Amino acid sequence: MRNGFTLIELVIVIAITALLATIAALSLGGVMDRYRLGRAAETVEMFDARARREARVTGEAVAATIDRAKGRFKVDAVGTDHDRQYRLPGRVAITDMRLHRSFAAGSALSIKFDRDGHGPTYAIELTRGNMKRWLVMLGASGQVVSLDSEGEVDELFSL
């Protein structure tokens, strides 16, 4: 009669446990990437809505800046103390930015909203891990459209 396990049995149990832990970690990583990308999209939507609202409330043009390198967004209400900054969640990056009918060069994009809260249509590509999402902010309405590929953004901008 045996009292205990052989070395082979212990190694097999440890290997199976390690394999299951790896599978769980990989699936949890995808969930976290989706969650952080969703939070980043909410941040961009809040930034855009704040800039438009500030322009309508003050009746003045509002300058907004997207700093791609730092993942920061700033609403600068001219002549007021209502400036507001937003920051993307950790490890979410802005990998591309576009303005409708023009190119967004460099690491910063300046957007002007008129006193009615209208601005240009622009798009931002957010990346977390191997997941990407394009957000397109429509200029006149402020509606946000979420797209999966650059081709879809190009099609929308061609209209």
N, C-alpha and C. Protein backbone atom coordinates (compact mmCIF):
# COMPACT_ATOMS: atom_id res chain seq x y z
N MET A 1 0.83 -1.17 0.00
CA MET A 1 0.00 0.00 0.00
C MET A 1 0.88 1.24 0.00
N ARG A 2 0.50 2.24 -0.86
CA ARG A 2 1.31 3.46 -0.99
C ARG A 2 0.84 4.55 -0.07
N ASN A 3 1.76 5.34 0.41
CA ASN A 3 1.46 6.54 1.19
C ASN A 3 2.05 7.74 0.46
N GLY A 4 1.32 8.36 -0.43
CA GLY A 4 1.83 9.55 -1.13
C GLY A 4 1.78 9.39 -2.64
N PHE A 5 2.37 10.37 -3.30
CA PHE A 5 2.35 10.42 -4.76
C PHE A 5 3.77 10.27 -5.29
N THR A 6 3.86 9.74 -6.50
CA THR A 6 5.18 9.65 -7.13
C THR A 6 5.54 11.01 -7.72
N LEU A 7 6.80 11.16 -8.03
CA LEU A 7 7.29 12.41 -8.61
C LEU A 7 6.60 12.69 -9.95
N ILE A 8 6.38 11.68 -10.74
CA ILE A 8 5.71 11.84 -12.04
C ILE A 8 4.30 12.38 -11.85
N GLU A 9 3.57 11.85 -10.92
CA GLU A 9 2.20 12.33 -10.66
C GLU A 9 2.20 13.79 -10.24
N LEU A 10 3.12 14.18 -9.38
CA LEU A 10 3.21 15.58 -8.94
C LEU A 10 3.55 16.51 -10.10
N VAL A 11 4.48 16.12 -10.94
CA VAL A 11 4.87 16.94 -12.09
C VAL A 11 3.69 17.11 -13.04
N ILE A 12 2.93 16.06 -13.28
CA ILE A 12 1.77 16.14 -14.17
C ILE A 12 0.72 17.09 -13.60
N VAL A 13 0.45 17.00 -12.31
CA VAL A 13 -0.53 17.89 -11.67
C VAL A 13 -0.07 19.35 -11.76
N ILE A 14 1.21 19.59 -11.51
CA ILE A 14 1.74 20.96 -11.59
C ILE A 14 1.66 21.49 -13.02
N ALA A 15 1.97 20.66 -14.01
CA ALA A 15 1.91 21.08 -15.41
C ALA A 15 0.48 21.42 -15.82
N ILE A 16 -0.48 20.60 -15.42
CA ILE A 16 -1.89 20.87 -15.75
C ILE A 16 -2.35 22.15 -15.07
N THR A 17 -1.97 22.36 -13.82
CA THR A 17 -2.34 23.58 -13.10
C THR A 17 -1.74 24.81 -13.78
N ALA A 18 -0.48 24.73 -14.20
CA ALA A 18 0.17 25.85 -14.89
C ALA A 18 -0.53 26.15 -16.21
N LEU A 19 -0.91 25.11 -16.93
CA LEU A 19 -1.61 25.30 -18.21
C LEU A 19 -2.95 25.98 -18.00
N LEU A 20 -3.71 25.54 -17.01
CA LEU A 20 -5.00 26.17 -16.72
C LEU A 20 -4.83 27.62 -16.27
N ALA A 21 -3.81 27.90 -15.48
CA ALA A 21 -3.55 29.28 -15.04
C ALA A 21 -3.19 30.17 -16.22
N THR A 22 -2.41 29.66 -17.15
CA THR A 22 -2.04 30.42 -18.35
C THR A 22 -3.27 30.73 -19.20
N ILE A 23 -4.12 29.76 -19.40
CA ILE A 23 -5.35 29.97 -20.18
C ILE A 23 -6.23 31.01 -19.50
N ALA A 24 -6.37 30.93 -18.20
CA ALA A 24 -7.19 31.90 -17.46
C ALA A 24 -6.60 33.31 -17.57
N ALA A 25 -5.29 33.43 -17.47
CA ALA A 25 -4.64 34.75 -17.55
C ALA A 25 -4.82 35.35 -18.94
N LEU A 26 -4.70 34.54 -19.98
CA LEU A 26 -4.87 35.05 -21.34
C LEU A 26 -6.30 35.53 -21.59
N SER A 27 -7.27 34.77 -21.13
CA SER A 27 -8.66 35.19 -21.35
C SER A 27 -8.99 36.42 -20.51
N LEU A 28 -8.44 36.52 -19.32
CA LEU A 28 -8.67 37.70 -18.48
C LEU A 28 -8.00 38.93 -19.08
N GLY A 29 -6.84 38.75 -19.73
CA GLY A 29 -6.15 39.86 -20.39
C GLY A 29 -7.01 40.48 -21.47
N GLY A 30 -7.69 39.67 -22.26
CA GLY A 30 -8.58 40.19 -23.30
C GLY A 30 -9.74 40.96 -22.71
N VAL A 31 -10.28 40.48 -21.61
CA VAL A 31 -11.37 41.18 -20.93
C VAL A 31 -10.90 42.54 -20.44
N MET A 32 -9.71 42.58 -19.84
CA MET A 32 -9.17 43.85 -19.34
C MET A 32 -8.89 44.82 -20.48
N ASP A 33 -8.38 44.31 -21.61
CA ASP A 33 -8.13 45.18 -22.76
C ASP A 33 -9.44 45.81 -23.24
N ARG A 34 -10.49 45.01 -23.35
CA ARG A 34 -11.79 45.53 -23.79
C ARG A 34 -12.33 46.56 -22.81
N TYR A 35 -12.19 46.28 -21.52
CA TYR A 35 -12.67 47.20 -20.49
C TYR A 35 -11.94 48.54 -20.57
N ARG A 36 -10.61 48.50 -20.65
CA ARG A 36 -9.84 49.75 -20.70
C ARG A 36 -10.11 50.52 -21.99
N LEU A 37 -10.30 49.81 -23.09
CA LEU A 37 -10.62 50.48 -24.35
C LEU A 37 -11.99 51.14 -24.26
N GLY A 38 -12.93 50.48 -23.61
CA GLY A 38 -14.25 51.08 -23.40
C GLY A 38 -14.19 52.32 -22.53
N ARG A 39 -13.37 52.26 -21.47
CA ARG A 39 -13.18 53.44 -20.61
C ARG A 39 -12.54 54.59 -21.38
N ALA A 40 -11.58 54.27 -22.24
CA ALA A 40 -10.93 55.30 -23.05
C ALA A 40 -11.93 55.94 -24.00
N ALA A 41 -12.81 55.14 -24.59
CA ALA A 41 -13.84 55.68 -25.48
C ALA A 41 -14.77 56.62 -24.72
N GLU A 42 -15.13 56.25 -23.50
CA GLU A 42 -15.97 57.13 -22.67
C GLU A 42 -15.25 58.45 -22.37
N THR A 43 -13.95 58.39 -22.13
CA THR A 43 -13.17 59.60 -21.86
C THR A 43 -13.19 60.53 -23.07
N VAL A 44 -13.00 59.98 -24.26
CA VAL A 44 -13.02 60.79 -25.48
C VAL A 44 -14.41 61.41 -25.67
N GLU A 45 -15.46 60.64 -25.43
CA GLU A 45 -16.82 61.16 -25.56
C GLU A 45 -17.08 62.29 -24.57
N MET A 46 -16.60 62.14 -23.32
CA MET A 46 -16.78 63.20 -22.32
C MET A 46 -16.03 64.46 -22.72
N PHE A 47 -14.83 64.30 -23.26
CA PHE A 47 -14.03 65.44 -23.72
C PHE A 47 -14.77 66.21 -24.81
N ASP A 48 -15.26 65.49 -25.82
CA ASP A 48 -15.95 66.13 -26.93
C ASP A 48 -17.23 66.81 -26.46
N ALA A 49 -18.01 66.12 -25.64
CA ALA A 49 -19.26 66.70 -25.14
C ALA A 49 -19.00 67.93 -24.29
N ARG A 50 -17.94 67.89 -23.48
CA ARG A 50 -17.61 69.05 -22.63
C ARG A 50 -17.24 70.26 -23.47
N ALA A 51 -16.44 70.06 -24.51
CA ALA A 51 -16.04 71.17 -25.37
C ALA A 51 -17.26 71.79 -26.05
N ARG A 52 -18.15 70.97 -26.57
CA ARG A 52 -19.35 71.48 -27.24
C ARG A 52 -20.27 72.21 -26.25
N ARG A 53 -20.46 71.62 -25.09
CA ARG A 53 -21.32 72.23 -24.07
C ARG A 53 -20.74 73.56 -23.60
N GLU A 54 -19.44 73.62 -23.39
CA GLU A 54 -18.78 74.85 -22.94
C GLU A 54 -18.97 75.96 -23.97
N ALA A 55 -18.88 75.63 -25.25
CA ALA A 55 -19.08 76.63 -26.30
C ALA A 55 -20.52 77.14 -26.29
N ARG A 56 -21.48 76.24 -26.15
CA ARG A 56 -22.89 76.67 -26.14
C ARG A 56 -23.22 77.49 -24.91
N VAL A 57 -22.70 77.10 -23.75
CA VAL A 57 -23.02 77.79 -22.49
C VAL A 57 -22.41 79.19 -22.46
N THR A 58 -21.15 79.30 -22.87
CA THR A 58 -20.48 80.61 -22.81
C THR A 58 -20.80 81.48 -24.01
N GLY A 59 -21.25 80.88 -25.10
CA GLY A 59 -21.51 81.65 -26.31
C GLY A 59 -20.22 82.10 -26.99
N GLU A 60 -19.12 81.47 -26.62
CA GLU A 60 -17.80 81.80 -27.18
C GLU A 60 -17.20 80.55 -27.83
N ALA A 61 -16.27 80.80 -28.75
CA ALA A 61 -15.54 79.68 -29.36
C ALA A 61 -14.68 79.00 -28.29
N VAL A 62 -14.53 77.70 -28.43
CA VAL A 62 -13.74 76.92 -27.49
C VAL A 62 -12.64 76.19 -28.26
N ALA A 63 -11.44 76.23 -27.71
CA ALA A 63 -10.32 75.50 -28.29
C ALA A 63 -10.12 74.21 -27.50
N ALA A 64 -9.98 73.12 -28.20
CA ALA A 64 -9.74 71.83 -27.55
C ALA A 64 -8.49 71.22 -28.18
N THR A 65 -7.71 70.54 -27.36
CA THR A 65 -6.46 69.96 -27.85
C THR A 65 -6.38 68.49 -27.44
N ILE A 66 -5.95 67.67 -28.39
CA ILE A 66 -5.69 66.26 -28.12
C ILE A 66 -4.19 66.06 -28.23
N ASP A 67 -3.56 65.66 -27.14
CA ASP A 67 -2.12 65.40 -27.11
C ASP A 67 -1.91 63.90 -27.21
N ARG A 68 -1.57 63.47 -28.40
CA ARG A 68 -1.44 62.04 -28.69
C ARG A 68 -0.31 61.40 -27.89
N ALA A 69 0.80 62.09 -27.75
CA ALA A 69 1.96 61.52 -27.07
C ALA A 69 1.68 61.25 -25.59
N LYS A 70 0.93 62.12 -24.94
CA LYS A 70 0.67 61.98 -23.50
C LYS A 70 -0.69 61.36 -23.20
N GLY A 71 -1.52 61.17 -24.23
CA GLY A 71 -2.86 60.62 -24.00
C GLY A 71 -3.74 61.56 -23.21
N ARG A 72 -3.59 62.86 -23.45
CA ARG A 72 -4.36 63.87 -22.71
C ARG A 72 -5.24 64.68 -23.65
N PHE A 73 -6.34 65.14 -23.08
CA PHE A 73 -7.30 65.97 -23.80
C PHE A 73 -7.54 67.21 -22.96
N LYS A 74 -7.56 68.38 -23.60
CA LYS A 74 -7.77 69.61 -22.85
C LYS A 74 -8.82 70.46 -23.54
N VAL A 75 -9.78 70.93 -22.74
CA VAL A 75 -10.79 71.88 -23.21
C VAL A 75 -10.42 73.23 -22.64
N ASP A 76 -10.17 74.20 -23.51
CA ASP A 76 -9.75 75.53 -23.09
C ASP A 76 -10.86 76.52 -23.42
N ALA A 77 -11.66 76.85 -22.42
CA ALA A 77 -12.74 77.82 -22.61
C ALA A 77 -12.12 79.21 -22.54
N VAL A 78 -12.02 79.88 -23.67
CA VAL A 78 -11.36 81.17 -23.78
C VAL A 78 -12.02 82.19 -22.86
N GLY A 79 -11.21 82.85 -22.05
CA GLY A 79 -11.70 83.92 -21.18
C GLY A 79 -12.43 83.45 -19.93
N THR A 80 -12.37 82.16 -19.63
CA THR A 80 -13.03 81.66 -18.41
C THR A 80 -12.06 80.79 -17.63
N ASP A 81 -12.47 80.40 -16.45
CA ASP A 81 -11.66 79.49 -15.63
C ASP A 81 -12.20 78.06 -15.70
N HIS A 82 -12.92 77.74 -16.76
CA HIS A 82 -13.56 76.44 -16.87
C HIS A 82 -12.74 75.43 -17.67
N ASP A 83 -11.42 75.60 -17.71
CA ASP A 83 -10.59 74.65 -18.44
C ASP A 83 -10.71 73.27 -17.80
N ARG A 84 -10.62 72.26 -18.63
CA ARG A 84 -10.78 70.89 -18.13
C ARG A 84 -9.83 69.96 -18.86
N GLN A 85 -9.18 69.05 -18.14
CA GLN A 85 -8.29 68.08 -18.75
C GLN A 85 -8.80 66.66 -18.51
N TYR A 86 -8.60 65.82 -19.50
CA TYR A 86 -8.96 64.41 -19.41
C TYR A 86 -7.72 63.60 -19.76
N ARG A 87 -7.66 62.38 -19.22
CA ARG A 87 -6.51 61.51 -19.48
C ARG A 87 -7.01 60.10 -19.77
N LEU A 88 -6.37 59.45 -20.74
CA LEU A 88 -6.73 58.07 -21.07
C LEU A 88 -6.30 57.11 -19.96
N PRO A 89 -7.02 56.00 -19.80
CA PRO A 89 -6.61 54.98 -18.83
C PRO A 89 -5.22 54.43 -19.19
N GLY A 90 -4.56 53.84 -18.23
CA GLY A 90 -3.22 53.30 -18.43
C GLY A 90 -3.13 52.31 -19.58
N ARG A 91 -2.04 52.41 -20.29
CA ARG A 91 -1.70 51.53 -21.41
C ARG A 91 -2.65 51.61 -22.59
N VAL A 92 -3.48 52.63 -22.64
CA VAL A 92 -4.29 52.88 -23.83
C VAL A 92 -3.61 54.02 -24.57
N ALA A 93 -3.39 53.83 -25.86
CA ALA A 93 -2.67 54.84 -26.65
C ALA A 93 -3.53 55.34 -27.80
N ILE A 94 -3.28 56.58 -28.19
CA ILE A 94 -3.87 57.13 -29.41
C ILE A 94 -2.86 56.84 -30.51
N THR A 95 -3.21 55.97 -31.44
CA THR A 95 -2.25 55.59 -32.48
C THR A 95 -2.45 56.34 -33.78
N ASP A 96 -3.61 56.97 -33.96
CA ASP A 96 -3.84 57.76 -35.17
C ASP A 96 -4.95 58.76 -34.90
N MET A 97 -4.88 59.89 -35.61
CA MET A 97 -5.91 60.93 -35.51
C MET A 97 -6.14 61.48 -36.91
N ARG A 98 -7.38 61.82 -37.20
CA ARG A 98 -7.70 62.39 -38.51
C ARG A 98 -8.76 63.46 -38.38
N LEU A 99 -8.61 64.49 -39.19
CA LEU A 99 -9.64 65.52 -39.35
C LEU A 99 -10.29 65.30 -40.71
N HIS A 100 -11.58 65.46 -40.79
CA HIS A 100 -12.28 65.30 -42.05
C HIS A 100 -11.78 66.35 -43.03
N ARG A 101 -11.43 65.93 -44.22
CA ARG A 101 -10.95 66.80 -45.30
C ARG A 101 -9.60 67.45 -45.03
N SER A 102 -8.85 66.95 -44.08
CA SER A 102 -7.47 67.42 -43.87
C SER A 102 -6.72 66.37 -43.08
N PHE A 103 -5.42 66.58 -42.94
CA PHE A 103 -4.59 65.61 -42.23
C PHE A 103 -4.22 66.14 -40.86
N ALA A 104 -4.16 65.24 -39.90
CA ALA A 104 -3.73 65.60 -38.54
C ALA A 104 -2.28 65.16 -38.40
N ALA A 105 -1.37 66.10 -38.58
CA ALA A 105 0.05 65.77 -38.49
C ALA A 105 0.57 66.09 -37.09
N GLY A 106 1.59 65.37 -36.69
CA GLY A 106 2.20 65.65 -35.40
C GLY A 106 1.53 64.92 -34.26
N SER A 107 1.96 65.27 -33.05
CA SER A 107 1.44 64.56 -31.89
C SER A 107 0.28 65.29 -31.22
N ALA A 108 -0.08 66.47 -31.72
CA ALA A 108 -1.20 67.21 -31.12
C ALA A 108 -2.19 67.62 -32.20
N LEU A 109 -3.45 67.57 -31.83
CA LEU A 109 -4.52 67.97 -32.75
C LEU A 109 -5.33 69.05 -32.06
N SER A 110 -5.44 70.21 -32.73
CA SER A 110 -6.23 71.32 -32.19
C SER A 110 -7.58 71.35 -32.88
N ILE A 111 -8.63 71.46 -32.09
CA ILE A 111 -9.99 71.48 -32.62
C ILE A 111 -10.68 72.73 -32.11
N LYS A 112 -11.31 73.46 -33.00
CA LYS A 112 -12.05 74.67 -32.63
C LYS A 112 -13.55 74.40 -32.73
N PHE A 113 -14.26 74.74 -31.66
CA PHE A 113 -15.72 74.61 -31.64
C PHE A 113 -16.30 76.02 -31.64
N ASP A 114 -17.26 76.28 -32.53
CA ASP A 114 -17.85 77.62 -32.58
C ASP A 114 -18.83 77.81 -31.42
N ARG A 115 -19.40 78.99 -31.32
CA ARG A 115 -20.25 79.32 -30.17
C ARG A 115 -21.51 78.46 -30.09
N ASP A 116 -21.86 77.80 -31.20
CA ASP A 116 -23.02 76.90 -31.20
C ASP A 116 -22.63 75.46 -30.84
N GLY A 117 -21.35 75.23 -30.60
CA GLY A 117 -20.89 73.89 -30.24
C GLY A 117 -20.57 73.02 -31.43
N HIS A 118 -20.52 73.60 -32.62
CA HIS A 118 -20.19 72.83 -33.82
C HIS A 118 -18.68 72.84 -34.03
N GLY A 119 -18.16 71.72 -34.45
CA GLY A 119 -16.73 71.62 -34.73
C GLY A 119 -16.53 70.74 -35.94
N PRO A 120 -15.28 70.46 -36.27
CA PRO A 120 -15.02 69.58 -37.42
C PRO A 120 -15.29 68.12 -37.06
N THR A 121 -15.50 67.32 -38.07
CA THR A 121 -15.59 65.87 -37.86
C THR A 121 -14.16 65.35 -37.75
N TYR A 122 -13.91 64.56 -36.71
CA TYR A 122 -12.56 64.02 -36.53
C TYR A 122 -12.64 62.59 -36.02
N ALA A 123 -11.54 61.87 -36.20
CA ALA A 123 -11.49 60.46 -35.79
C ALA A 123 -10.22 60.20 -35.00
N ILE A 124 -10.33 59.31 -34.03
CA ILE A 124 -9.20 58.92 -33.18
C ILE A 124 -9.15 57.40 -33.11
N GLU A 125 -7.96 56.85 -33.30
CA GLU A 125 -7.78 55.40 -33.14
C GLU A 125 -7.18 55.13 -31.77
N LEU A 126 -7.88 54.35 -30.97
CA LEU A 126 -7.42 53.97 -29.63
C LEU A 126 -6.91 52.53 -29.68
N THR A 127 -5.80 52.27 -29.00
CA THR A 127 -5.21 50.93 -29.00
C THR A 127 -4.86 50.51 -27.58
N ARG A 128 -5.18 49.27 -27.26
CA ARG A 128 -4.80 48.66 -25.98
C ARG A 128 -4.43 47.22 -26.29
N GLY A 129 -3.18 46.86 -26.07
CA GLY A 129 -2.74 45.52 -26.41
C GLY A 129 -2.87 45.30 -27.91
N ASN A 130 -3.55 44.23 -28.31
CA ASN A 130 -3.75 43.98 -29.74
C ASN A 130 -5.14 44.39 -30.20
N MET A 131 -5.86 45.14 -29.37
CA MET A 131 -7.21 45.59 -29.72
C MET A 131 -7.18 47.04 -30.16
N LYS A 132 -7.96 47.35 -31.20
CA LYS A 132 -8.04 48.72 -31.71
C LYS A 132 -9.50 49.11 -31.90
N ARG A 133 -9.75 50.41 -31.75
CA ARG A 133 -11.09 50.93 -31.99
C ARG A 133 -10.96 52.36 -32.51
N TRP A 134 -11.71 52.66 -33.55
CA TRP A 134 -11.78 54.02 -34.08
C TRP A 134 -13.02 54.69 -33.53
N LEU A 135 -12.89 55.92 -33.08
CA LEU A 135 -14.03 56.74 -32.68
C LEU A 135 -14.09 57.93 -33.62
N VAL A 136 -15.25 58.14 -34.22
CA VAL A 136 -15.46 59.28 -35.11
C VAL A 136 -16.47 60.20 -34.45
N MET A 137 -16.07 61.46 -34.23
CA MET A 137 -16.96 62.47 -33.66
C MET A 137 -17.48 63.32 -34.82
N LEU A 138 -18.80 63.28 -35.01
CA LEU A 138 -19.40 64.01 -36.12
C LEU A 138 -19.53 65.48 -35.76
N GLY A 139 -19.05 66.35 -36.64
CA GLY A 139 -18.91 67.77 -36.35
C GLY A 139 -20.16 68.52 -35.95
N ALA A 140 -21.21 68.42 -36.73
CA ALA A 140 -22.40 69.24 -36.45
C ALA A 140 -23.20 68.71 -35.27
N SER A 141 -23.33 67.40 -35.15
CA SER A 141 -24.21 66.83 -34.12
C SER A 141 -23.48 66.43 -32.85
N GLY A 142 -22.20 66.11 -32.95
CA GLY A 142 -21.48 65.60 -31.79
C GLY A 142 -21.70 64.11 -31.57
N GLN A 143 -22.42 63.47 -32.48
CA GLN A 143 -22.66 62.04 -32.36
C GLN A 143 -21.33 61.29 -32.47
N VAL A 144 -21.17 60.23 -31.70
CA VAL A 144 -19.94 59.43 -31.72
C VAL A 144 -20.24 58.10 -32.39
N VAL A 145 -19.42 57.75 -33.37
CA VAL A 145 -19.56 56.50 -34.09
C VAL A 145 -18.32 55.66 -33.82
N SER A 146 -18.52 54.43 -33.37
CA SER A 146 -17.41 53.52 -33.10
C SER A 146 -17.24 52.58 -34.29
N LEU A 147 -16.02 52.53 -34.83
CA LEU A 147 -15.73 51.70 -36.00
C LEU A 147 -14.55 50.79 -35.70
N ASP A 148 -14.48 49.68 -36.44
CA ASP A 148 -13.44 48.69 -36.17
C ASP A 148 -12.20 48.81 -37.05
N SER A 149 -12.34 49.47 -38.22
CA SER A 149 -11.19 49.48 -39.13
C SER A 149 -10.97 50.86 -39.75
N GLU A 150 -9.76 51.05 -40.21
CA GLU A 150 -9.38 52.29 -40.88
C GLU A 150 -10.17 52.46 -42.18
N GLY A 151 -10.45 51.35 -42.85
CA GLY A 151 -11.23 51.39 -44.09
C GLY A 151 -12.62 51.97 -43.87
N GLU A 152 -13.24 51.61 -42.75
CA GLU A 152 -14.57 52.15 -42.43
C GLU A 152 -14.50 53.65 -42.18
N VAL A 153 -13.41 54.11 -41.55
CA VAL A 153 -13.23 55.55 -41.32
C VAL A 153 -13.08 56.26 -42.66
N ASP A 154 -12.27 55.68 -43.56
CA ASP A 154 -12.08 56.27 -44.88
C ASP A 154 -13.41 56.36 -45.64
N GLU A 155 -14.22 55.31 -45.55
CA GLU A 155 -15.53 55.32 -46.22
C GLU A 155 -16.42 56.41 -45.65
N LEU A 156 -16.45 56.55 -44.34
CA LEU A 156 -17.27 57.58 -43.71
C LEU A 156 -16.79 58.97 -44.09
N PHE A 157 -15.49 59.17 -44.12
CA PHE A 157 -14.93 60.48 -44.47
C PHE A 157 -15.11 60.81 -45.95
N SER A 158 -15.33 59.80 -46.79
CA SER A 158 -15.51 60.07 -48.22
C SER A 158 -16.90 60.61 -48.54
N LEU A 159 -17.81 60.55 -47.59
CA LEU A 159 -19.18 61.04 -47.81
C LEU A 159 -19.21 62.55 -47.85
